[in-house]
Amino acid sequence: MIVLFRSSEAAISAGSHGDETREGTRWNGKHKLEIIRKCYLSIQPGLDEKDKLIVINDRTTDETLEWMRKNTKADFAIKNIRAMNELRKTHPYPHYHPVLANSCPDLMEFLVYLASLKENLDEIIYLCEDDYLHIPNAITCMKSVFSNKYSGFYAPYDYPDRYYFDGELPCRLLLTSFGHVRTIPSATLTLAALGSTWLKYKYELLRAGAFADDTWTWKAFRQVGAICPVPGHSTHLQDGCITPLIPWEQVYDSISTSS
């Protein structure tokens, strides 16, 4: 497995643009700098020396990067990407709102490059943003799904809006060795797939990076499939986005960042 952990200590408060450092709290009054560390540690139980963990560094401090290096068993590396204020200097539409908020062309170009390498075509590549908290066996279960020859996309979280009474969003419920999964029509960019699957959507990913647009997932998921566990194994730590049924406050509090 290759994990691309996108880390930014710039956008501190919820809803802030990528080049802002405005202080504030996020989910349940938690601060982003603590959230990053808790979320990073939450994926570690499923990683070992055979895995690669690449921190996608968007203005993360050297202190935090060194802490990350010390707190993983995986083969650790850092990929620096340009800050958004630098990207907008050359972007053809710098004031288009999604670009202003969250464009990431360097990340998507790197993802496409990794997926195109022959040795990574059958490798799980998990793109993980820094405010997604995981239960302890989340990564182990993810690996299990792909070990059974699954070749679609996999999102470890289960957004609550999937349970609104909307007849236009049906799903299939399937049973796996670790519990149920459901089909999903779309997702954010905390998402896993084999390198060969990512590569099928090379141009969609490059466009998504330039324009901060994840609508490509609707097309891709219809074509190759996408699932998430039920209950979810991860949650986006933002109000209104919390995966149902899991006591996330307990999960969060159980993780110590003192090491």
Protein backbone atom coordinates (compact mmCIF):
# COMPACT_ATOMS: atom_id res chain seq x y z
CA MET A 1 0.00 0.00 0.00
CA ILE A 2 1.01 3.58 -0.70
CA VAL A 3 -0.57 6.27 1.48
CA LEU A 4 -0.48 9.87 0.30
CA PHE A 5 -1.21 11.86 3.46
CA ARG A 6 -1.98 15.45 2.50
CA SER A 7 -0.87 17.67 5.40
CA SER A 8 -1.37 21.41 5.74
CA GLU A 9 -0.78 23.53 8.81
CA ALA A 10 -1.85 26.66 6.90
CA ALA A 11 -5.66 26.42 6.75
CA ILE A 12 -6.25 26.31 10.50
CA SER A 13 -9.94 27.15 10.86
CA ALA A 14 -12.84 25.34 9.19
CA GLY A 15 -13.80 26.89 5.86
CA SER A 16 -10.60 28.92 5.57
CA HIS A 17 -8.91 29.23 2.19
CA GLY A 18 -5.72 27.36 1.57
CA ASP A 19 -3.37 30.31 2.11
CA GLU A 20 -5.00 31.51 5.32
CA THR A 21 -3.61 30.87 8.78
CA ARG A 22 -6.59 32.24 10.70
CA GLU A 23 -6.75 30.63 14.14
CA GLY A 24 -9.94 28.87 15.15
CA THR A 25 -11.49 25.53 16.04
CA ARG A 26 -12.97 22.78 13.93
CA TRP A 27 -15.07 19.79 14.98
CA ASN A 28 -16.15 19.81 18.65
CA GLY A 29 -13.85 22.71 19.43
CA LYS A 30 -10.73 20.79 18.38
CA HIS A 31 -7.81 22.63 16.82
CA LYS A 32 -6.44 21.68 13.40
CA LEU A 33 -2.88 21.20 14.62
CA GLU A 34 -4.03 18.51 17.05
CA ILE A 35 -6.45 17.04 14.50
CA ILE A 36 -3.61 16.50 12.00
CA ARG A 37 -1.62 14.47 14.50
CA LYS A 38 -4.57 12.44 15.74
CA CYS A 39 -5.67 11.62 12.18
CA TYR A 40 -2.12 10.71 11.17
CA LEU A 41 -1.78 8.33 14.12
CA SER A 42 -5.19 6.79 13.43
CA ILE A 43 -3.96 5.19 10.18
CA GLN A 44 -0.79 3.75 11.68
CA PRO A 45 -2.17 0.47 13.17
CA GLY A 46 -2.72 -0.91 9.66
CA LEU A 47 0.68 0.05 8.23
CA ASP A 48 3.96 -1.86 8.36
CA GLU A 49 7.44 -1.78 6.87
CA LYS A 50 6.21 -3.01 3.48
CA ASP A 51 3.98 0.04 3.06
CA LYS A 52 4.97 3.49 1.85
CA LEU A 53 3.72 6.66 3.51
CA ILE A 54 4.33 9.87 1.57
CA VAL A 55 3.39 13.12 3.27
CA ILE A 56 2.09 15.61 0.71
CA ASN A 57 3.51 18.68 2.37
CA ASP A 58 1.55 21.91 2.04
CA ARG A 59 3.32 24.17 4.53
CA THR A 60 3.69 21.69 7.37
CA THR A 61 6.38 22.65 9.89
CA ASP A 62 9.68 20.78 10.03
CA GLU A 63 8.85 19.85 13.63
CA THR A 64 5.61 18.14 12.61
CA LEU A 65 7.22 16.40 9.64
CA GLU A 66 9.94 14.98 11.88
CA TRP A 67 7.30 13.87 14.37
CA MET A 68 5.47 12.08 11.53
CA ARG A 69 8.68 10.36 10.46
CA LYS A 70 9.20 9.02 13.98
CA ASN A 71 5.62 7.82 14.35
CA THR A 72 5.22 5.37 11.49
CA LYS A 73 6.55 1.91 10.67
CA ALA A 74 6.03 2.54 6.97
CA ASP A 75 8.71 3.61 4.52
CA PHE A 76 8.46 7.39 5.00
CA ALA A 77 8.94 10.17 2.43
CA ILE A 78 7.90 13.77 1.87
CA LYS A 79 6.58 15.33 -1.34
CA ASN A 80 6.47 19.13 -1.21
CA ILE A 81 3.75 20.88 -3.18
CA ARG A 82 3.35 24.56 -3.99
CA ALA A 83 1.26 26.77 -1.74
CA MET A 84 -2.05 27.92 -3.17
CA ASN A 85 -1.07 31.58 -3.22
CA GLU A 86 1.85 30.59 -5.46
CA LEU A 87 -0.34 28.42 -7.68
CA ARG A 88 -2.80 31.21 -8.28
CA LYS A 89 -0.08 33.44 -9.73
CA THR A 90 -0.03 31.29 -12.87
CA HIS A 91 -3.58 29.86 -12.82
CA PRO A 92 -5.75 31.03 -15.75
CA TYR A 93 -8.78 31.45 -13.44
CA PRO A 94 -7.27 32.40 -10.06
CA HIS A 95 -10.48 33.95 -8.69
CA TYR A 96 -12.81 31.08 -9.59
CA HIS A 97 -14.11 30.06 -6.18
CA PRO A 98 -13.11 26.35 -6.13
CA VAL A 99 -9.63 27.35 -7.31
CA LEU A 100 -9.46 30.05 -4.66
CA ALA A 101 -10.44 27.56 -1.97
CA ASN A 102 -8.74 24.27 -2.67
CA SER A 103 -6.98 23.61 -5.95
CA CYS A 104 -4.26 20.94 -5.85
CA PRO A 105 -2.67 20.35 -9.29
CA ASP A 106 0.72 19.29 -7.85
CA LEU A 107 -0.94 16.58 -5.78
CA MET A 108 -2.94 15.20 -8.70
CA GLU A 109 0.05 15.23 -11.02
CA PHE A 110 2.02 13.26 -8.42
CA LEU A 111 -0.86 10.80 -7.94
CA VAL A 112 -1.06 10.21 -11.69
CA TYR A 113 2.72 9.75 -11.86
CA LEU A 114 2.70 7.15 -9.07
CA ALA A 115 -0.24 5.29 -10.59
CA SER A 116 1.50 5.13 -13.98
CA LEU A 117 4.57 3.31 -12.65
CA LYS A 118 4.52 -0.34 -13.67
CA GLU A 119 5.25 -1.54 -10.13
CA ASN A 120 2.24 0.39 -8.80
CA LEU A 121 -0.46 -0.75 -11.22
CA ASP A 122 -1.64 -3.43 -8.76
CA GLU A 123 -0.74 -1.44 -5.64
CA ILE A 124 -3.34 0.18 -3.40
CA ILE A 125 -2.88 3.95 -3.44
CA TYR A 126 -4.77 5.69 -0.64
CA LEU A 127 -5.11 9.46 -0.89
CA CYS A 128 -5.88 10.64 2.65
CA GLU A 129 -6.57 14.22 3.75
CA ASP A 130 -5.35 15.34 7.15
CA ASP A 131 -8.73 15.77 8.87
CA TYR A 132 -10.07 12.24 8.44
CA LEU A 133 -10.03 10.15 11.63
CA HIS A 134 -9.95 6.33 11.36
CA ILE A 135 -10.91 3.47 13.66
CA PRO A 136 -7.96 1.18 14.53
CA ASN A 137 -8.67 -1.55 11.95
CA ALA A 138 -9.66 0.79 9.09
CA ILE A 139 -6.51 0.27 7.00
CA THR A 140 -6.44 -3.49 7.64
CA CYS A 141 -10.01 -3.77 6.36
CA MET A 142 -9.17 -1.63 3.34
CA LYS A 143 -6.31 -3.92 2.45
CA SER A 144 -8.61 -6.93 2.85
CA VAL A 145 -11.08 -5.55 0.30
CA PHE A 146 -8.42 -5.18 -2.37
CA SER A 147 -6.80 -8.53 -1.57
CA ASN A 148 -10.05 -10.15 -2.76
CA LYS A 149 -9.51 -8.81 -6.31
CA TYR A 150 -11.69 -5.73 -5.89
CA SER A 151 -10.77 -3.15 -8.54
CA GLY A 152 -13.12 -0.23 -7.88
CA PHE A 153 -12.79 2.73 -5.55
CA TYR A 154 -13.02 2.51 -1.77
CA ALA A 155 -13.90 5.31 0.66
CA PRO A 156 -13.48 4.44 4.35
CA TYR A 157 -15.98 7.09 5.55
CA ASP A 158 -19.78 7.11 5.29
CA TYR A 159 -21.22 10.62 4.88
CA PRO A 160 -24.52 11.22 6.70
CA ASP A 161 -26.15 12.84 3.65
CA ARG A 162 -26.29 9.41 2.03
CA TYR A 163 -29.19 8.63 4.35
CA TYR A 164 -31.50 11.48 3.40
CA PHE A 165 -34.82 10.28 2.01
CA ASP A 166 -33.91 10.63 -1.65
CA GLY A 167 -35.15 8.00 -4.07
CA GLU A 168 -32.53 9.04 -6.61
CA LEU A 169 -29.65 7.61 -4.55
CA PRO A 170 -30.26 3.86 -4.25
CA CYS A 171 -27.44 1.55 -3.14
CA ARG A 172 -26.51 -2.11 -2.91
CA LEU A 173 -25.54 -3.61 0.43
CA LEU A 174 -22.84 -6.30 0.35
CA LEU A 175 -21.28 -8.55 2.99
CA THR A 176 -17.49 -8.84 3.40
CA SER A 177 -15.26 -10.68 5.83
CA PHE A 178 -15.20 -7.63 8.13
CA GLY A 179 -18.84 -6.52 7.82
CA HIS A 180 -21.14 -4.75 5.39
CA VAL A 181 -20.24 -2.32 2.63
CA ARG A 182 -22.55 -0.22 0.48
CA THR A 183 -22.19 1.20 -2.98
CA ILE A 184 -21.75 4.99 -3.18
CA PRO A 185 -22.30 7.46 -6.03
CA SER A 186 -19.56 10.00 -5.22
CA ALA A 187 -16.86 10.89 -2.70
CA THR A 188 -14.30 13.45 -1.65
CA LEU A 189 -10.58 12.98 -2.25
CA THR A 190 -9.96 10.75 0.72
CA LEU A 191 -10.16 7.68 -1.46
CA ALA A 192 -8.34 4.45 -2.30
CA ALA A 193 -7.95 2.46 -5.52
CA LEU A 194 -5.40 0.37 -7.34
CA GLY A 195 -2.87 2.29 -9.39
CA SER A 196 -4.39 0.92 -12.60
CA THR A 197 -7.83 2.20 -11.58
CA TRP A 198 -6.54 5.69 -10.75
CA LEU A 199 -4.75 5.72 -14.11
CA LYS A 200 -7.99 5.14 -16.04
CA TYR A 201 -9.06 8.61 -14.88
CA LYS A 202 -5.78 10.40 -15.51
CA TYR A 203 -7.28 13.40 -17.28
CA GLU A 204 -10.23 13.70 -14.92
CA LEU A 205 -7.78 13.79 -12.00
CA LEU A 206 -5.62 16.43 -13.62
CA ARG A 207 -8.68 18.58 -14.28
CA ALA A 208 -9.90 18.02 -10.72
CA GLY A 209 -6.53 19.20 -9.41
CA ALA A 210 -6.65 22.39 -11.44
CA PHE A 211 -10.24 23.28 -10.61
CA ALA A 212 -10.84 21.62 -7.20
CA ASP A 213 -13.68 19.59 -8.71
CA ASP A 214 -14.57 16.12 -7.42
CA THR A 215 -17.62 15.63 -9.67
CA TRP A 216 -15.51 13.25 -11.78
CA THR A 217 -16.25 10.62 -9.12
CA TRP A 218 -19.86 10.32 -10.30
CA LYS A 219 -18.70 9.15 -13.72
CA ALA A 220 -15.88 6.94 -12.42
CA PHE A 221 -17.98 5.24 -9.77
CA ARG A 222 -20.69 4.35 -12.28
CA GLN A 223 -18.07 2.78 -14.52
CA VAL A 224 -15.87 0.81 -12.11
CA GLY A 225 -17.82 0.89 -8.83
CA ALA A 226 -17.20 2.38 -5.41
CA ILE A 227 -17.99 1.18 -1.91
CA CYS A 228 -17.69 2.25 1.71
CA PRO A 229 -18.03 0.26 4.93
CA VAL A 230 -21.24 0.48 7.00
CA PRO A 231 -20.82 1.76 9.65
CA GLY A 232 -17.94 3.77 8.27
CA HIS A 233 -14.34 3.26 9.34
CA SER A 234 -13.37 6.90 9.05
CA THR A 235 -14.95 10.31 9.43
CA HIS A 236 -14.35 13.81 8.13
CA LEU A 237 -13.85 15.92 11.25
CA GLN A 238 -16.12 18.74 10.19
CA ASP A 239 -19.57 19.51 11.51
CA GLY A 240 -22.25 18.06 9.26
CA CYS A 241 -19.89 15.45 7.82
CA ILE A 242 -19.56 13.01 10.72
CA THR A 243 -19.90 9.32 9.84
CA PRO A 244 -22.94 7.93 11.71
CA LEU A 245 -23.03 5.41 14.59
CA ILE A 246 -19.35 5.40 15.63
CA PRO A 247 -18.45 7.18 18.93
CA TRP A 248 -15.88 9.43 17.28
CA GLU A 249 -15.19 11.46 20.40
CA GLN A 250 -14.03 8.26 22.10
CA VAL A 251 -11.90 7.27 19.11
CA TYR A 252 -10.33 10.74 19.08
CA ASP A 253 -9.65 10.82 22.83
CA SER A 254 -8.11 7.33 22.78
CA ILE A 255 -5.22 8.52 20.59
CA SER A 256 -2.25 10.02 22.40
CA THR A 257 -0.02 12.46 20.52
CA SER A 258 2.62 12.75 23.24
CA SER A 259 5.19 10.49 21.55
